[in-house]
Amino acid sequence: MKCSGCGSEALVSGTILDSNGSRVNFKLDDVSTWKSMLGIGTRGVRAYGCLHCQNLQFGVDFTEKDLKQYQQFEGQQPSVLERINSETDAQ
């Protein structure tokens, strides 16, 4: 992996914590707040700091299901209603 700021490969991995010492998560927009409070639809976040330019960059721990669901579309993602309608039309 290379730094997105300077291109260096001198990255140090780490963990982002909030002020309470809890790990920070990435919440998928398709998931309701209630589900995300139960841990559904949230993904872990990886952090990398560059030793050369002090740039901080993040990575998200997507699941295999996420990759299949979101990589099937190019460009802007369709809304939830558009996805439901397209699944209904295909059946």
N, C-alpha and C. Protein backbone atom coordinates (compact mmCIF):
# COMPACT_ATOMS: atom_id res chain seq x y z
N MET A 1 0.85 -1.18 0.00
CA MET A 1 0.00 0.00 0.00
C MET A 1 0.89 1.23 0.00
N LYS A 2 0.46 2.24 -0.73
CA LYS A 2 1.21 3.49 -0.80
C LYS A 2 0.40 4.63 -0.20
N CYS A 3 1.11 5.63 0.26
CA CYS A 3 0.49 6.83 0.81
C CYS A 3 -0.23 7.58 -0.30
N SER A 4 -1.45 7.97 -0.04
CA SER A 4 -2.22 8.72 -1.04
C SER A 4 -1.73 10.17 -1.15
N GLY A 5 -0.95 10.63 -0.18
CA GLY A 5 -0.46 12.00 -0.20
C GLY A 5 0.85 12.16 -0.95
N CYS A 6 1.84 11.28 -0.63
CA CYS A 6 3.17 11.46 -1.22
C CYS A 6 3.67 10.25 -1.99
N GLY A 7 2.95 9.13 -1.93
CA GLY A 7 3.34 7.94 -2.66
C GLY A 7 4.33 7.05 -1.93
N SER A 8 4.74 7.41 -0.75
CA SER A 8 5.69 6.62 0.03
C SER A 8 5.04 5.30 0.46
N GLU A 9 5.89 4.30 0.68
CA GLU A 9 5.40 3.02 1.18
C GLU A 9 5.66 2.88 2.68
N ALA A 10 6.12 3.95 3.32
CA ALA A 10 6.44 3.92 4.75
C ALA A 10 5.18 4.24 5.57
N LEU A 11 4.23 3.30 5.57
CA LEU A 11 2.98 3.48 6.31
C LEU A 11 2.99 2.64 7.58
N VAL A 12 2.45 3.19 8.63
CA VAL A 12 2.32 2.49 9.90
C VAL A 12 0.83 2.28 10.14
N SER A 13 0.44 1.02 10.37
CA SER A 13 -0.98 0.74 10.60
C SER A 13 -1.34 1.03 12.06
N GLY A 14 -2.58 1.37 12.27
CA GLY A 14 -3.05 1.68 13.61
C GLY A 14 -4.56 1.57 13.70
N THR A 15 -5.09 1.99 14.82
CA THR A 15 -6.52 1.93 15.09
C THR A 15 -7.01 3.31 15.50
N ILE A 16 -8.14 3.72 14.95
CA ILE A 16 -8.75 5.00 15.32
C ILE A 16 -9.71 4.75 16.49
N LEU A 17 -9.56 5.53 17.55
CA LEU A 17 -10.42 5.41 18.73
C LEU A 17 -11.13 6.73 18.96
N ASP A 18 -12.36 6.66 19.48
CA ASP A 18 -13.05 7.90 19.85
C ASP A 18 -12.59 8.32 21.25
N SER A 19 -13.15 9.40 21.77
CA SER A 19 -12.70 9.95 23.05
C SER A 19 -12.99 9.01 24.23
N ASN A 20 -13.87 8.02 24.02
CA ASN A 20 -14.18 7.05 25.07
C ASN A 20 -13.35 5.78 24.95
N GLY A 21 -12.48 5.73 23.97
CA GLY A 21 -11.63 4.55 23.78
C GLY A 21 -12.27 3.47 22.94
N SER A 22 -13.41 3.76 22.30
CA SER A 22 -14.09 2.79 21.45
C SER A 22 -13.59 2.91 20.02
N ARG A 23 -13.59 1.77 19.32
CA ARG A 23 -13.19 1.78 17.91
C ARG A 23 -14.22 2.52 17.08
N VAL A 24 -13.76 3.19 16.04
CA VAL A 24 -14.63 3.91 15.12
C VAL A 24 -15.05 2.95 14.01
N ASN A 25 -16.32 2.97 13.61
CA ASN A 25 -16.84 2.11 12.56
C ASN A 25 -17.37 2.92 11.39
N PHE A 26 -17.44 2.27 10.24
CA PHE A 26 -18.03 2.83 9.04
C PHE A 26 -19.45 2.30 8.95
N LYS A 27 -20.46 3.19 8.84
CA LYS A 27 -21.86 2.78 8.75
C LYS A 27 -22.33 2.87 7.31
N LEU A 28 -22.84 1.78 6.78
CA LEU A 28 -23.42 1.78 5.45
C LEU A 28 -24.68 2.63 5.45
N ASP A 29 -24.87 3.48 4.46
CA ASP A 29 -26.05 4.35 4.40
C ASP A 29 -27.34 3.57 4.22
N ASP A 30 -27.26 2.36 3.65
CA ASP A 30 -28.46 1.56 3.43
C ASP A 30 -29.05 0.98 4.71
N VAL A 31 -28.32 1.05 5.82
CA VAL A 31 -28.73 0.42 7.07
C VAL A 31 -29.30 1.47 8.01
N SER A 32 -30.42 1.14 8.64
CA SER A 32 -31.06 2.09 9.57
C SER A 32 -30.19 2.31 10.80
N THR A 33 -30.44 3.41 11.47
CA THR A 33 -29.69 3.74 12.68
C THR A 33 -29.91 2.70 13.75
N TRP A 34 -31.13 2.19 13.85
CA TRP A 34 -31.44 1.17 14.86
C TRP A 34 -30.61 -0.09 14.65
N LYS A 35 -30.52 -0.53 13.40
CA LYS A 35 -29.72 -1.73 13.12
C LYS A 35 -28.24 -1.47 13.39
N SER A 36 -27.78 -0.29 13.03
CA SER A 36 -26.36 0.00 13.24
C SER A 36 -26.03 0.06 14.73
N MET A 37 -26.98 0.44 15.56
CA MET A 37 -26.77 0.44 17.01
C MET A 37 -26.58 -0.98 17.54
N LEU A 38 -27.12 -1.96 16.80
CA LEU A 38 -26.95 -3.36 17.18
C LEU A 38 -25.74 -3.98 16.50
N GLY A 39 -25.00 -3.19 15.75
CA GLY A 39 -23.80 -3.67 15.08
C GLY A 39 -24.05 -4.22 13.70
N ILE A 40 -25.27 -4.09 13.19
CA ILE A 40 -25.60 -4.57 11.85
C ILE A 40 -25.33 -3.45 10.86
N GLY A 41 -24.60 -3.77 9.81
CA GLY A 41 -24.34 -2.77 8.78
C GLY A 41 -23.20 -1.83 9.08
N THR A 42 -22.40 -2.14 10.09
CA THR A 42 -21.22 -1.33 10.36
C THR A 42 -19.99 -2.17 10.01
N ARG A 43 -18.96 -1.51 9.56
CA ARG A 43 -17.72 -2.18 9.17
C ARG A 43 -16.55 -1.55 9.90
N GLY A 44 -15.57 -2.35 10.19
CA GLY A 44 -14.37 -1.86 10.86
C GLY A 44 -13.58 -0.90 9.97
N VAL A 45 -12.82 -0.05 10.60
CA VAL A 45 -12.00 0.93 9.89
C VAL A 45 -10.54 0.68 10.25
N ARG A 46 -9.70 0.59 9.23
CA ARG A 46 -8.26 0.48 9.41
C ARG A 46 -7.65 1.85 9.16
N ALA A 47 -6.60 2.16 9.88
CA ALA A 47 -5.94 3.46 9.70
C ALA A 47 -4.46 3.25 9.40
N TYR A 48 -3.93 4.12 8.55
CA TYR A 48 -2.52 4.08 8.18
C TYR A 48 -1.96 5.50 8.22
N GLY A 49 -0.85 5.67 8.91
CA GLY A 49 -0.19 6.97 8.96
C GLY A 49 1.13 6.91 8.20
N CYS A 50 1.42 7.93 7.43
CA CYS A 50 2.65 7.99 6.63
C CYS A 50 3.77 8.62 7.46
N LEU A 51 4.91 7.95 7.50
CA LEU A 51 6.06 8.48 8.24
C LEU A 51 6.67 9.70 7.57
N HIS A 52 6.51 9.83 6.26
CA HIS A 52 7.14 10.92 5.52
C HIS A 52 6.34 12.22 5.58
N CYS A 53 5.06 12.16 5.26
CA CYS A 53 4.28 13.41 5.18
C CYS A 53 3.20 13.51 6.26
N GLN A 54 3.12 12.54 7.16
CA GLN A 54 2.15 12.51 8.26
C GLN A 54 0.70 12.46 7.78
N ASN A 55 0.50 12.04 6.54
CA ASN A 55 -0.86 11.86 6.02
C ASN A 55 -1.52 10.70 6.75
N LEU A 56 -2.80 10.81 7.03
CA LEU A 56 -3.56 9.73 7.66
C LEU A 56 -4.60 9.26 6.66
N GLN A 57 -4.63 7.97 6.37
CA GLN A 57 -5.61 7.44 5.44
C GLN A 57 -6.30 6.23 6.06
N PHE A 58 -7.50 5.95 5.58
CA PHE A 58 -8.33 4.91 6.15
C PHE A 58 -8.66 3.83 5.13
N GLY A 59 -8.98 2.66 5.64
CA GLY A 59 -9.49 1.56 4.84
C GLY A 59 -10.67 0.96 5.57
N VAL A 60 -11.63 0.43 4.83
CA VAL A 60 -12.84 -0.16 5.41
C VAL A 60 -12.79 -1.67 5.22
N ASP A 61 -13.18 -2.42 6.24
CA ASP A 61 -13.21 -3.88 6.19
C ASP A 61 -14.56 -4.34 5.64
N PHE A 62 -14.70 -4.30 4.30
CA PHE A 62 -15.93 -4.75 3.67
C PHE A 62 -16.01 -6.28 3.70
N THR A 63 -17.22 -6.81 3.73
CA THR A 63 -17.43 -8.25 3.69
C THR A 63 -17.53 -8.70 2.23
N GLU A 64 -17.49 -10.01 2.01
CA GLU A 64 -17.67 -10.56 0.66
C GLU A 64 -19.04 -10.18 0.11
N LYS A 65 -20.05 -10.17 0.98
CA LYS A 65 -21.41 -9.80 0.56
C LYS A 65 -21.44 -8.35 0.08
N ASP A 66 -20.74 -7.47 0.79
CA ASP A 66 -20.67 -6.05 0.38
C ASP A 66 -20.05 -5.93 -1.00
N LEU A 67 -18.96 -6.65 -1.22
CA LEU A 67 -18.26 -6.57 -2.51
C LEU A 67 -19.17 -7.01 -3.65
N LYS A 68 -19.91 -8.10 -3.44
CA LYS A 68 -20.82 -8.58 -4.48
C LYS A 68 -21.96 -7.59 -4.71
N GLN A 69 -22.50 -7.04 -3.63
CA GLN A 69 -23.66 -6.14 -3.74
C GLN A 69 -23.30 -4.81 -4.39
N TYR A 70 -22.19 -4.21 -3.99
CA TYR A 70 -21.88 -2.86 -4.44
C TYR A 70 -21.03 -2.80 -5.70
N GLN A 71 -20.29 -3.86 -6.03
CA GLN A 71 -19.46 -3.81 -7.23
C GLN A 71 -20.24 -4.11 -8.49
N GLN A 72 -21.50 -4.52 -8.37
CA GLN A 72 -22.27 -4.81 -9.56
C GLN A 72 -22.74 -3.55 -10.28
N PHE A 73 -22.58 -2.39 -9.64
CA PHE A 73 -23.02 -1.14 -10.22
C PHE A 73 -21.81 -0.27 -10.54
N GLU A 74 -21.89 0.45 -11.64
CA GLU A 74 -20.85 1.43 -11.95
C GLU A 74 -21.48 2.81 -11.81
N GLY A 75 -20.69 3.78 -11.43
CA GLY A 75 -21.21 5.14 -11.28
C GLY A 75 -21.97 5.28 -9.97
N GLN A 76 -22.97 6.14 -9.99
CA GLN A 76 -23.74 6.42 -8.78
C GLN A 76 -24.59 5.22 -8.41
N GLN A 77 -24.63 4.90 -7.11
CA GLN A 77 -25.40 3.77 -6.62
C GLN A 77 -26.89 4.07 -6.71
N PRO A 78 -27.71 3.09 -7.14
CA PRO A 78 -29.15 3.30 -7.17
C PRO A 78 -29.71 3.36 -5.75
N SER A 79 -30.85 4.00 -5.59
CA SER A 79 -31.47 4.09 -4.28
C SER A 79 -32.02 2.72 -3.88
N VAL A 80 -32.38 2.61 -2.62
CA VAL A 80 -32.95 1.35 -2.12
C VAL A 80 -34.22 1.00 -2.88
N LEU A 81 -35.08 1.97 -3.14
CA LEU A 81 -36.33 1.71 -3.87
C LEU A 81 -36.05 1.23 -5.30
N GLU A 82 -35.05 1.82 -5.96
CA GLU A 82 -34.69 1.38 -7.30
C GLU A 82 -34.19 -0.06 -7.30
N ARG A 83 -33.42 -0.42 -6.26
CA ARG A 83 -32.93 -1.80 -6.15
C ARG A 83 -34.07 -2.78 -5.93
N ILE A 84 -35.01 -2.41 -5.06
CA ILE A 84 -36.15 -3.30 -4.78
C ILE A 84 -36.98 -3.48 -6.05
N ASN A 85 -37.23 -2.39 -6.77
CA ASN A 85 -38.01 -2.47 -8.00
C ASN A 85 -37.30 -3.31 -9.06
N SER A 86 -35.98 -3.19 -9.16
CA SER A 86 -35.26 -3.96 -10.18
C SER A 86 -35.25 -5.45 -9.82
N GLU A 87 -35.22 -5.78 -8.52
CA GLU A 87 -35.28 -7.18 -8.10
C GLU A 87 -36.67 -7.75 -8.38
N THR A 88 -37.71 -6.95 -8.18
CA THR A 88 -39.08 -7.40 -8.43
C THR A 88 -39.30 -7.63 -9.92
N ASP A 89 -38.76 -6.73 -10.76
CA ASP A 89 -38.90 -6.86 -12.21
C ASP A 89 -38.16 -8.10 -12.74
N ALA A 90 -37.05 -8.46 -12.10
CA ALA A 90 -36.27 -9.60 -12.57
C ALA A 90 -36.96 -10.92 -12.26
N GLN A 91 -37.86 -10.93 -11.29
CA GLN A 91 -38.53 -12.19 -10.93
C GLN A 91 -39.74 -12.36 -11.72
